[in-house]
Amino acid sequence: MYFPKYWAKSVVDEREASGTQFSIPVWRWSNHSLDDAQQQANQAAAHLRNRIRSGEYLSNEYYGNRPVREEVIFEQKDEQGSVELVITRNAQGCLVLNTGHAMFVDVDIEEPTQTLFSRIVGIFFKPDVEPETPEEAAIKHIRGWVEEHSDRGVRVYRTRGGLRYLLTHKVYTPGDAESDQLLEQFNSDPQYRMLCTAQESFRARLTPKPKRIGMHQPPVRFPYLDKEDKQQLDQWEKNYKNVSSEWRTCEHVAMFGNPTIHPKVQDVIDLHDQMTELHKDLPLA
């Protein structure tokens, strides 16, 4: 897994044709030193400045193809000293489980919107058989994949926005051809697949999104530049823990296929289920 130790920022200050001034922060990283990270940031800012001045169209082309700037809260190493599990805090303030071997797959489920006409038709004409919901279709799909081979196993969770799968029968390598093919087959978000490759890890959110529990995201973001930043985060985190204790992040739906769970995956299950408040009767967020 790849979580750079040092991050540094450079700023591109430019002016639009109308005269409006704008600034773009440019972050870069290093595992060697803060000075090295700053040098990388300065070089990237100079390159971006040249692109802007040449009139080149700039898009969000880099999202998902580089490590994310997140604070490492906890890390667990294997017997050889390699990091196999990391908990980070993302930009929204949520804790995120990152693992280099247990494949998590988040699948967004969008409920179909009903037009006025379809609602009126539904009042007068009831179908003999209720149509399959998007969630039912997704579960049917993953269950069919499991049943193709007797050795496969998967745990299915429900989240506020869809479903989460955890493959339990073996370990996988983030970013390799097999993992990427499976993520695509399960209709996982393409940007998530890119991030798995860039960060060499699979990810699963452990705690609620602040906006879903009536809170704003943290007022500051890692890296914290001074003592005041850290104090602001500590105060936010205290409030967040109090409010989020009344919510859970997911609930267990089903276990399909092979009941034998790979030992390394079992450790992930134990931590994931505990930190998501899975076993508590609480609303999802």
C-alpha atoms as a PDB file:
ATOM      1  CA  MET A   1       0.000   0.000   0.000  1.00  0.00           C
ATOM      2  CA  TYR A   2       1.181   3.484  -0.781  1.00  0.00           C
ATOM      3  CA  PHE A   3       0.596   6.281   1.723  1.00  0.00           C
ATOM      4  CA  PRO A   4       3.279   8.965   1.294  1.00  0.00           C
ATOM      5  CA  LYS A   5       4.728  10.246   4.538  1.00  0.00           C
ATOM      6  CA  TYR A   6       5.367  13.833   3.441  1.00  0.00           C
ATOM      7  CA  TRP A   7       3.121  16.289   1.608  1.00  0.00           C
ATOM      8  CA  ALA A   8       3.852  19.842   0.472  1.00  0.00           C
ATOM      9  CA  LYS A   9       1.931  22.564  -1.354  1.00  0.00           C
ATOM     10  CA  SER A  10       2.800  25.125  -3.986  1.00  0.00           C
ATOM     11  CA  VAL A  11       0.353  27.713  -5.322  1.00  0.00           C
ATOM     12  CA  VAL A  12      -0.219  28.872  -8.887  1.00  0.00           C
ATOM     13  CA  ASP A  13      -1.408  32.496  -8.970  1.00  0.00           C
ATOM     14  CA  GLU A  14      -2.734  33.595 -12.337  1.00  0.00           C
ATOM     15  CA  ARG A  15      -5.090  36.172 -13.830  1.00  0.00           C
ATOM     16  CA  GLU A  16      -7.973  35.585 -16.237  1.00  0.00           C
ATOM     17  CA  ALA A  17      -8.405  37.692 -19.380  1.00  0.00           C
ATOM     18  CA  SER A  18     -11.101  39.637 -17.521  1.00  0.00           C
ATOM     19  CA  GLY A  19      -8.549  40.576 -14.880  1.00  0.00           C
ATOM     20  CA  THR A  20      -9.912  38.259 -12.184  1.00  0.00           C
ATOM     21  CA  GLN A  21      -7.155  36.784 -10.027  1.00  0.00           C
ATOM     22  CA  PHE A  22      -7.293  33.075  -9.152  1.00  0.00           C
ATOM     23  CA  SER A  23      -5.118  30.646  -7.214  1.00  0.00           C
ATOM     24  CA  ILE A  24      -4.698  26.883  -7.641  1.00  0.00           C
ATOM     25  CA  PRO A  25      -3.068  24.809  -4.881  1.00  0.00           C
ATOM     26  CA  VAL A  26      -0.747  22.083  -6.131  1.00  0.00           C
ATOM     27  CA  TRP A  27       0.080  19.249  -3.733  1.00  0.00           C
ATOM     28  CA  ARG A  28       2.837  16.697  -4.174  1.00  0.00           C
ATOM     29  CA  TRP A  29       4.250  13.973  -1.974  1.00  0.00           C
ATOM     30  CA  SER A  30       7.400  12.100  -1.024  1.00  0.00           C
ATOM     31  CA  ASN A  31       8.512   9.249   1.190  1.00  0.00           C
ATOM     32  CA  HIS A  32      11.986  10.768   1.537  1.00  0.00           C
ATOM     33  CA  SER A  33      11.595  14.219   3.055  1.00  0.00           C
ATOM     34  CA  LEU A  34       9.419  17.306   3.266  1.00  0.00           C
ATOM     35  CA  ASP A  35      11.988  19.183   1.165  1.00  0.00           C
ATOM     36  CA  ASP A  36      11.673  16.601  -1.580  1.00  0.00           C
ATOM     37  CA  ALA A  37       7.880  16.881  -1.481  1.00  0.00           C
ATOM     38  CA  GLN A  38       8.160  20.678  -1.725  1.00  0.00           C
ATOM     39  CA  GLN A  39      10.497  20.411  -4.689  1.00  0.00           C
ATOM     40  CA  GLN A  40       8.021  18.095  -6.429  1.00  0.00           C
ATOM     41  CA  ALA A  41       5.179  20.535  -5.696  1.00  0.00           C
ATOM     42  CA  ASN A  42       7.149  23.503  -7.042  1.00  0.00           C
ATOM     43  CA  GLN A  43       7.982  21.648 -10.253  1.00  0.00           C
ATOM     44  CA  ALA A  44       4.372  20.578 -10.735  1.00  0.00           C
ATOM     45  CA  ALA A  45       3.164  24.141 -10.129  1.00  0.00           C
ATOM     46  CA  ALA A  46       5.586  25.506 -12.715  1.00  0.00           C
ATOM     47  CA  HIS A  47       4.367  22.934 -15.239  1.00  0.00           C
ATOM     48  CA  LEU A  48       0.725  23.794 -14.519  1.00  0.00           C
ATOM     49  CA  ARG A  49       1.453  27.512 -14.834  1.00  0.00           C
ATOM     50  CA  ASN A  50       2.929  26.962 -18.292  1.00  0.00           C
ATOM     51  CA  ARG A  51      -0.095  24.940 -19.366  1.00  0.00           C
ATOM     52  CA  ILE A  52      -2.477  27.668 -18.210  1.00  0.00           C
ATOM     53  CA  ARG A  53      -0.529  30.399 -19.995  1.00  0.00           C
ATOM     54  CA  SER A  54      -0.482  28.379 -23.196  1.00  0.00           C
ATOM     55  CA  GLY A  55      -4.296  28.254 -23.106  1.00  0.00           C
ATOM     56  CA  GLU A  56      -4.489  24.502 -22.621  1.00  0.00           C
ATOM     57  CA  TYR A  57      -7.807  23.147 -21.389  1.00  0.00           C
ATOM     58  CA  LEU A  58      -7.452  21.715 -17.892  1.00  0.00           C
ATOM     59  CA  SER A  59      -9.727  18.951 -16.635  1.00  0.00           C
ATOM     60  CA  ASN A  60      -9.847  16.887 -13.473  1.00  0.00           C
ATOM     61  CA  GLU A  61      -7.647  14.358 -15.259  1.00  0.00           C
ATOM     62  CA  TYR A  62      -5.604  13.331 -12.257  1.00  0.00           C
ATOM     63  CA  TYR A  63      -8.387  12.220  -9.922  1.00  0.00           C
ATOM     64  CA  GLY A  64      -7.934   8.624  -8.928  1.00  0.00           C
ATOM     65  CA  ASN A  65      -4.538   8.069 -10.541  1.00  0.00           C
ATOM     66  CA  ARG A  66      -2.410   9.249  -7.618  1.00  0.00           C
ATOM     67  CA  PRO A  67      -2.306   8.563  -3.866  1.00  0.00           C
ATOM     68  CA  VAL A  68      -4.872  10.421  -1.796  1.00  0.00           C
ATOM     69  CA  ARG A  69      -3.840  13.031   0.727  1.00  0.00           C
ATOM     70  CA  GLU A  70      -5.100  11.441   3.945  1.00  0.00           C
ATOM     71  CA  GLU A  71      -3.876  11.270   7.512  1.00  0.00           C
ATOM     72  CA  VAL A  72      -2.844   7.777   8.645  1.00  0.00           C
ATOM     73  CA  ILE A  73      -4.657   7.034  11.910  1.00  0.00           C
ATOM     74  CA  PHE A  74      -3.625   3.398  12.380  1.00  0.00           C
ATOM     75  CA  GLU A  75      -1.578   0.792  10.564  1.00  0.00           C
ATOM     76  CA  GLN A  76      -1.153  -2.937  11.044  1.00  0.00           C
ATOM     77  CA  LYS A  77       1.877  -4.903   9.848  1.00  0.00           C
ATOM     78  CA  ASP A  78       2.304  -8.574   9.084  1.00  0.00           C
ATOM     79  CA  GLU A  79       4.986 -10.849  10.524  1.00  0.00           C
ATOM     80  CA  GLN A  80       7.469  -9.663   7.892  1.00  0.00           C
ATOM     81  CA  GLY A  81       6.931  -6.024   8.832  1.00  0.00           C
ATOM     82  CA  SER A  82       4.963  -5.083   5.724  1.00  0.00           C
ATOM     83  CA  VAL A  83       1.938  -2.840   6.187  1.00  0.00           C
ATOM     84  CA  GLU A  84      -1.204  -4.843   5.361  1.00  0.00           C
ATOM     85  CA  LEU A  85      -3.959  -2.644   6.767  1.00  0.00           C
ATOM     86  CA  VAL A  86      -4.278   1.113   7.244  1.00  0.00           C
ATOM     87  CA  ILE A  87      -7.024   3.346   8.613  1.00  0.00           C
ATOM     88  CA  THR A  88      -6.993   6.897   7.265  1.00  0.00           C
ATOM     89  CA  ARG A  89      -9.126  10.025   7.577  1.00  0.00           C
ATOM     90  CA  ASN A  90     -10.433  11.289   4.239  1.00  0.00           C
ATOM     91  CA  ALA A  91     -11.187  14.866   3.204  1.00  0.00           C
ATOM     92  CA  GLN A  92     -14.746  14.599   4.567  1.00  0.00           C
ATOM     93  CA  GLY A  93     -13.461  13.490   7.971  1.00  0.00           C
ATOM     94  CA  CYS A  94     -14.597   9.863   7.650  1.00  0.00           C
ATOM     95  CA  LEU A  95     -12.370   7.011   8.733  1.00  0.00           C
ATOM     96  CA  VAL A  96     -11.507   4.708   5.836  1.00  0.00           C
ATOM     97  CA  LEU A  97     -10.214   1.143   5.949  1.00  0.00           C
ATOM     98  CA  ASN A  98      -7.477   0.460   3.395  1.00  0.00           C
ATOM     99  CA  THR A  99      -6.257  -3.071   2.807  1.00  0.00           C
ATOM    100  CA  GLY A 100      -3.727  -4.514   0.429  1.00  0.00           C
ATOM    101  CA  HIS A 101      -5.339  -7.926   0.093  1.00  0.00           C
ATOM    102  CA  ALA A 102      -9.072  -8.015   0.996  1.00  0.00           C
ATOM    103  CA  MET A 103     -11.185  -6.863  -1.942  1.00  0.00           C
ATOM    104  CA  PHE A 104     -13.974  -4.434  -1.066  1.00  0.00           C
ATOM    105  CA  VAL A 105     -16.384  -3.418  -3.803  1.00  0.00           C
ATOM    106  CA  ASP A 106     -18.848  -0.559  -3.353  1.00  0.00           C
ATOM    107  CA  VAL A 107     -21.785  -0.556  -5.766  1.00  0.00           C
ATOM    108  CA  ASP A 108     -23.964   2.537  -5.997  1.00  0.00           C
ATOM    109  CA  ILE A 109     -27.674   1.771  -6.245  1.00  0.00           C
ATOM    110  CA  GLU A 110     -29.794   4.461  -7.849  1.00  0.00           C
ATOM    111  CA  GLU A 111     -33.508   4.077  -7.336  1.00  0.00           C
ATOM    112  CA  PRO A 112     -35.462   4.778 -10.543  1.00  0.00           C
ATOM    113  CA  THR A 113     -37.285   8.095 -10.584  1.00  0.00           C
ATOM    114  CA  GLN A 114     -40.990   8.012 -11.301  1.00  0.00           C
ATOM    115  CA  THR A 115     -42.652  10.471 -13.660  1.00  0.00           C
ATOM    116  CA  LEU A 116     -46.132  11.813 -12.984  1.00  0.00           C
ATOM    117  CA  PHE A 117     -47.470   9.595 -15.778  1.00  0.00           C
ATOM    118  CA  SER A 118     -45.888   6.427 -14.347  1.00  0.00           C
ATOM    119  CA  ARG A 119     -47.282   7.210 -10.897  1.00  0.00           C
ATOM    120  CA  ILE A 120     -50.801   7.658 -12.310  1.00  0.00           C
ATOM    121  CA  VAL A 121     -50.517   4.418 -14.295  1.00  0.00           C
ATOM    122  CA  GLY A 122     -49.318   2.652 -11.154  1.00  0.00           C
ATOM    123  CA  ILE A 123     -52.457   3.695  -9.289  1.00  0.00           C
ATOM    124  CA  PHE A 124     -54.820   2.060 -11.765  1.00  0.00           C
ATOM    125  CA  PHE A 125     -52.734  -0.821 -13.115  1.00  0.00           C
ATOM    126  CA  LYS A 126     -50.957  -3.000 -10.598  1.00  0.00           C
ATOM    127  CA  PRO A 127     -48.485  -5.492 -12.104  1.00  0.00           C
ATOM    128  CA  ASP A 128     -49.070  -9.184 -11.395  1.00  0.00           C
ATOM    129  CA  VAL A 129     -45.412  -9.480 -10.361  1.00  0.00           C
ATOM    130  CA  GLU A 130     -43.516  -6.652  -8.714  1.00  0.00           C
ATOM    131  CA  PRO A 131     -40.522  -5.626 -10.866  1.00  0.00           C
ATOM    132  CA  GLU A 132     -37.035  -6.421  -9.623  1.00  0.00           C
ATOM    133  CA  THR A 133     -35.465  -3.545  -7.701  1.00  0.00           C
ATOM    134  CA  PRO A 134     -31.933  -2.326  -8.560  1.00  0.00           C
ATOM    135  CA  GLU A 135     -30.685  -3.752  -5.249  1.00  0.00           C
ATOM    136  CA  GLU A 136     -32.271  -7.143  -5.954  1.00  0.00           C
ATOM    137  CA  ALA A 137     -30.707  -7.155  -9.417  1.00  0.00           C
ATOM    138  CA  ALA A 138     -27.263  -6.373  -7.993  1.00  0.00           C
ATOM    139  CA  ILE A 139     -27.530  -9.104  -5.342  1.00  0.00           C
ATOM    140  CA  LYS A 140     -28.710 -11.566  -7.995  1.00  0.00           C
ATOM    141  CA  HIS A 141     -25.668 -10.655 -10.075  1.00  0.00           C
ATOM    142  CA  ILE A 142     -23.105 -11.180  -7.304  1.00  0.00           C
ATOM    143  CA  ARG A 143     -24.814 -14.370  -6.176  1.00  0.00           C
ATOM    144  CA  GLY A 144     -24.638 -15.727  -9.722  1.00  0.00           C
ATOM    145  CA  TRP A 145     -20.910 -14.960  -9.838  1.00  0.00           C
ATOM    146  CA  VAL A 146     -20.366 -16.848  -6.586  1.00  0.00           C
ATOM    147  CA  GLU A 147     -22.347 -19.862  -7.784  1.00  0.00           C
ATOM    148  CA  GLU A 148     -20.226 -20.209 -10.923  1.00  0.00           C
ATOM    149  CA  HIS A 149     -17.443 -21.803  -8.826  1.00  0.00           C
ATOM    150  CA  SER A 150     -17.836 -23.638  -5.525  1.00  0.00           C
ATOM    151  CA  ASP A 151     -14.682 -22.120  -4.005  1.00  0.00           C
ATOM    152  CA  ARG A 152     -15.954 -18.495  -4.156  1.00  0.00           C
ATOM    153  CA  GLY A 153     -17.406 -16.660  -1.189  1.00  0.00           C
ATOM    154  CA  VAL A 154     -18.638 -13.122  -0.582  1.00  0.00           C
ATOM    155  CA  ARG A 155     -20.190 -11.087   2.210  1.00  0.00           C
ATOM    156  CA  VAL A 156     -22.808  -8.562   1.111  1.00  0.00           C
ATOM    157  CA  TYR A 157     -23.481  -5.393   3.112  1.00  0.00           C
ATOM    158  CA  ARG A 158     -26.039  -2.642   2.592  1.00  0.00           C
ATOM    159  CA  THR A 159     -24.844   0.967   2.819  1.00  0.00           C
ATOM    160  CA  ARG A 160     -26.797   4.204   2.682  1.00  0.00           C
ATOM    161  CA  GLY A 161     -26.074   4.557  -1.033  1.00  0.00           C
ATOM    162  CA  GLY A 162     -26.019   0.950  -2.227  1.00  0.00           C
ATOM    163  CA  LEU A 163     -24.203  -2.298  -1.540  1.00  0.00           C
ATOM    164  CA  ARG A 164     -20.723  -3.298  -0.425  1.00  0.00           C
ATOM    165  CA  TYR A 165     -19.155  -6.641  -1.239  1.00  0.00           C
ATOM    166  CA  LEU A 166     -16.202  -8.271   0.506  1.00  0.00           C
ATOM    167  CA  LEU A 167     -14.697 -11.273  -1.252  1.00  0.00           C
ATOM    168  CA  THR A 168     -13.821 -13.798   1.439  1.00  0.00           C
ATOM    169  CA  HIS A 169     -12.378 -16.920  -0.199  1.00  0.00           C
ATOM    170  CA  LYS A 170      -8.958 -15.552  -1.220  1.00  0.00           C
ATOM    171  CA  VAL A 171      -6.791 -12.463  -1.216  1.00  0.00           C
ATOM    172  CA  TYR A 172      -6.377 -10.178  -4.217  1.00  0.00           C
ATOM    173  CA  THR A 173      -3.777  -7.701  -5.426  1.00  0.00           C
ATOM    174  CA  PRO A 174      -5.065  -4.146  -5.999  1.00  0.00           C
ATOM    175  CA  GLY A 175      -4.482  -2.915  -9.508  1.00  0.00           C
ATOM    176  CA  ASP A 176      -3.637  -6.207 -11.195  1.00  0.00           C
ATOM    177  CA  ALA A 177      -5.584  -7.502 -14.184  1.00  0.00           C
ATOM    178  CA  GLU A 178      -7.704  -9.963 -12.202  1.00  0.00           C
ATOM    179  CA  SER A 179      -8.774  -7.405  -9.600  1.00  0.00           C
ATOM    180  CA  ASP A 180      -9.539  -4.699 -12.126  1.00  0.00           C
ATOM    181  CA  GLN A 181     -11.573  -7.105 -14.239  1.00  0.00           C
ATOM    182  CA  LEU A 182     -13.634  -8.156 -11.224  1.00  0.00           C
ATOM    183  CA  LEU A 183     -14.254  -4.563 -10.135  1.00  0.00           C
ATOM    184  CA  GLU A 184     -15.470  -3.754 -13.625  1.00  0.00           C
ATOM    185  CA  GLN A 185     -17.650  -6.874 -13.680  1.00  0.00           C
ATOM    186  CA  PHE A 186     -19.249  -5.829 -10.375  1.00  0.00           C
ATOM    187  CA  ASN A 187     -19.990  -2.330 -11.774  1.00  0.00           C
ATOM    188  CA  SER A 188     -17.624  -0.612  -9.374  1.00  0.00           C
ATOM    189  CA  ASP A 189     -16.906   3.085  -9.902  1.00  0.00           C
ATOM    190  CA  PRO A 190     -14.107   3.569 -12.529  1.00  0.00           C
ATOM    191  CA  GLN A 191     -12.416   6.219 -10.391  1.00  0.00           C
ATOM    192  CA  TYR A 192     -12.338   3.805  -7.453  1.00  0.00           C
ATOM    193  CA  ARG A 193     -10.620   1.259  -9.701  1.00  0.00           C
ATOM    194  CA  MET A 194      -7.996   3.827 -10.669  1.00  0.00           C
ATOM    195  CA  LEU A 195      -7.457   4.718  -7.027  1.00  0.00           C
ATOM    196  CA  CYS A 196      -6.966   1.054  -6.090  1.00  0.00           C
ATOM    197  CA  THR A 197      -4.123   0.951  -8.603  1.00  0.00           C
ATOM    198  CA  ALA A 198      -2.531   4.253  -7.580  1.00  0.00           C
ATOM    199  CA  GLN A 199      -2.701   3.566  -3.857  1.00  0.00           C
ATOM    200  CA  GLU A 200      -2.216  -0.200  -4.063  1.00  0.00           C
ATOM    201  CA  SER A 201      -5.165  -0.836  -1.756  1.00  0.00           C
ATOM    202  CA  PHE A 202      -8.873  -1.561  -1.590  1.00  0.00           C
ATOM    203  CA  ARG A 203     -10.994   0.845   0.465  1.00  0.00           C
ATOM    204  CA  ALA A 204     -14.125   0.851   2.612  1.00  0.00           C
ATOM    205  CA  ARG A 205     -15.577   3.783   4.551  1.00  0.00           C
ATOM    206  CA  LEU A 206     -15.955   2.956   8.262  1.00  0.00           C
ATOM    207  CA  THR A 207     -17.753   5.980   9.689  1.00  0.00           C
ATOM    208  CA  PRO A 208     -20.686   8.144   8.501  1.00  0.00           C
ATOM    209  CA  LYS A 209     -20.423  10.968   6.026  1.00  0.00           C
ATOM    210  CA  PRO A 210     -20.797  14.200   8.049  1.00  0.00           C
ATOM    211  CA  LYS A 211     -23.453  15.665   5.744  1.00  0.00           C
ATOM    212  CA  ARG A 212     -25.664  12.647   6.417  1.00  0.00           C
ATOM    213  CA  ILE A 213     -25.633  13.228  10.165  1.00  0.00           C
ATOM    214  CA  GLY A 214     -26.123  16.983  10.132  1.00  0.00           C
ATOM    215  CA  MET A 215     -22.463  18.036  10.312  1.00  0.00           C
ATOM    216  CA  HIS A 216     -20.019  19.878   8.103  1.00  0.00           C
ATOM    217  CA  GLN A 217     -16.732  18.298   7.079  1.00  0.00           C
ATOM    218  CA  PRO A 218     -13.586  19.271   9.032  1.00  0.00           C
ATOM    219  CA  PRO A 219     -12.514  22.920   8.813  1.00  0.00           C
ATOM    220  CA  VAL A 220      -8.927  21.846   8.023  1.00  0.00           C
ATOM    221  CA  ARG A 221      -7.366  19.043   6.034  1.00  0.00           C
ATOM    222  CA  PHE A 222      -4.185  17.002   6.345  1.00  0.00           C
ATOM    223  CA  PRO A 223      -1.351  17.902   6.521  1.00  0.00           C
ATOM    224  CA  TYR A 224      -2.031  20.226   9.448  1.00  0.00           C
ATOM    225  CA  LEU A 225       0.258  23.195   9.073  1.00  0.00           C
ATOM    226  CA  ASP A 226       0.309  24.452  12.656  1.00  0.00           C
ATOM    227  CA  LYS A 227      -0.973  23.855  16.188  1.00  0.00           C
ATOM    228  CA  GLU A 228      -4.159  25.823  15.533  1.00  0.00           C
ATOM    229  CA  ASP A 229      -5.084  23.540  12.635  1.00  0.00           C
ATOM    230  CA  LYS A 230      -4.694  20.481  14.853  1.00  0.00           C
ATOM    231  CA  GLN A 231      -6.794  22.054  17.603  1.00  0.00           C
ATOM    232  CA  GLN A 232      -9.580  22.787  15.114  1.00  0.00           C
ATOM    233  CA  LEU A 233      -9.512  19.189  13.918  1.00  0.00           C
ATOM    234  CA  ASP A 234      -9.521  17.802  17.467  1.00  0.00           C
ATOM    235  CA  GLN A 235     -12.614  19.854  18.341  1.00  0.00           C
ATOM    236  CA  TRP A 236     -14.388  18.776  15.158  1.00  0.00           C
ATOM    237  CA  GLU A 237     -13.478  15.147  15.759  1.00  0.00           C
ATOM    238  CA  LYS A 238     -14.861  15.256  19.309  1.00  0.00           C
ATOM    239  CA  ASN A 239     -18.222  16.500  18.022  1.00  0.00           C
ATOM    240  CA  TYR A 240     -18.161  14.034  15.128  1.00  0.00           C
ATOM    241  CA  LYS A 241     -17.631  11.057  17.429  1.00  0.00           C
ATOM    242  CA  ASN A 242     -20.538  12.121  19.624  1.00  0.00           C
ATOM    243  CA  VAL A 243     -22.959  12.579  16.745  1.00  0.00           C
ATOM    244  CA  SER A 244     -21.843   9.584  14.676  1.00  0.00           C
ATOM    245  CA  SER A 245     -22.258   7.212  17.624  1.00  0.00           C
ATOM    246  CA  GLU A 246     -26.001   7.249  16.834  1.00  0.00           C
ATOM    247  CA  TRP A 247     -25.453   5.912  13.314  1.00  0.00           C
ATOM    248  CA  ARG A 248     -23.933   2.931  11.562  1.00  0.00           C
ATOM    249  CA  THR A 249     -22.250   2.779   8.193  1.00  0.00           C
ATOM    250  CA  CYS A 250     -23.537  -0.541   6.874  1.00  0.00           C
ATOM    251  CA  GLU A 251     -25.586  -3.611   7.719  1.00  0.00           C
ATOM    252  CA  HIS A 252     -24.993  -7.242   6.844  1.00  0.00           C
ATOM    253  CA  VAL A 253     -27.321  -8.617   4.150  1.00  0.00           C
ATOM    254  CA  ALA A 254     -26.047 -12.070   3.232  1.00  0.00           C
ATOM    255  CA  MET A 255     -23.126 -14.462   2.934  1.00  0.00           C
ATOM    256  CA  PHE A 256     -22.973 -16.393  -0.337  1.00  0.00           C
ATOM    257  CA  GLY A 257     -20.897 -19.389  -1.332  1.00  0.00           C
ATOM    258  CA  ASN A 258     -17.854 -20.932   0.308  1.00  0.00           C
ATOM    259  CA  PRO A 259     -18.157 -20.577   4.118  1.00  0.00           C
ATOM    260  CA  THR A 260     -14.387 -20.955   4.609  1.00  0.00           C
ATOM    261  CA  ILE A 261     -12.903 -17.480   4.988  1.00  0.00           C
ATOM    262  CA  HIS A 262      -9.267 -16.727   4.240  1.00  0.00           C
ATOM    263  CA  PRO A 263      -7.459 -15.929   7.546  1.00  0.00           C
ATOM    264  CA  LYS A 264      -6.248 -12.524   6.353  1.00  0.00           C
ATOM    265  CA  VAL A 265      -9.752 -11.610   5.250  1.00  0.00           C
ATOM    266  CA  GLN A 266     -11.209 -12.702   8.583  1.00  0.00           C
ATOM    267  CA  ASP A 267      -9.054 -10.113  10.375  1.00  0.00           C
ATOM    268  CA  VAL A 268     -10.443  -7.445   8.044  1.00  0.00           C
ATOM    269  CA  ILE A 269     -14.028  -8.596   8.644  1.00  0.00           C
ATOM    270  CA  ASP A 270     -13.605  -8.374  12.409  1.00  0.00           C
ATOM    271  CA  LEU A 271     -12.251  -4.816  12.271  1.00  0.00           C
ATOM    272  CA  HIS A 272     -14.677  -3.638   9.596  1.00  0.00           C
ATOM    273  CA  ASP A 273     -17.785  -4.988  11.329  1.00  0.00           C
ATOM    274  CA  GLN A 274     -16.777  -3.527  14.674  1.00  0.00           C
ATOM    275  CA  MET A 275     -15.932  -0.039  13.406  1.00  0.00           C
ATOM    276  CA  THR A 276     -18.987   0.307  11.165  1.00  0.00           C
ATOM    277  CA  GLU A 277     -21.250  -0.428  14.185  1.00  0.00           C
ATOM    278  CA  LEU A 278     -22.651  -3.280  12.131  1.00  0.00           C
ATOM    279  CA  HIS A 279     -24.269  -5.146  14.996  1.00  0.00           C
ATOM    280  CA  LYS A 280     -26.123  -2.164  16.441  1.00  0.00           C
ATOM    281  CA  ASP A 281     -29.724  -1.345  15.552  1.00  0.00           C
ATOM    282  CA  LEU A 282     -29.006   2.131  14.223  1.00  0.00           C
ATOM    283  CA  PRO A 283     -29.951   4.052  11.056  1.00  0.00           C
ATOM    284  CA  LEU A 284     -27.535   4.024   8.113  1.00  0.00           C
ATOM    285  CA  ALA A 285     -25.452   7.052   7.214  1.00  0.00           C
END
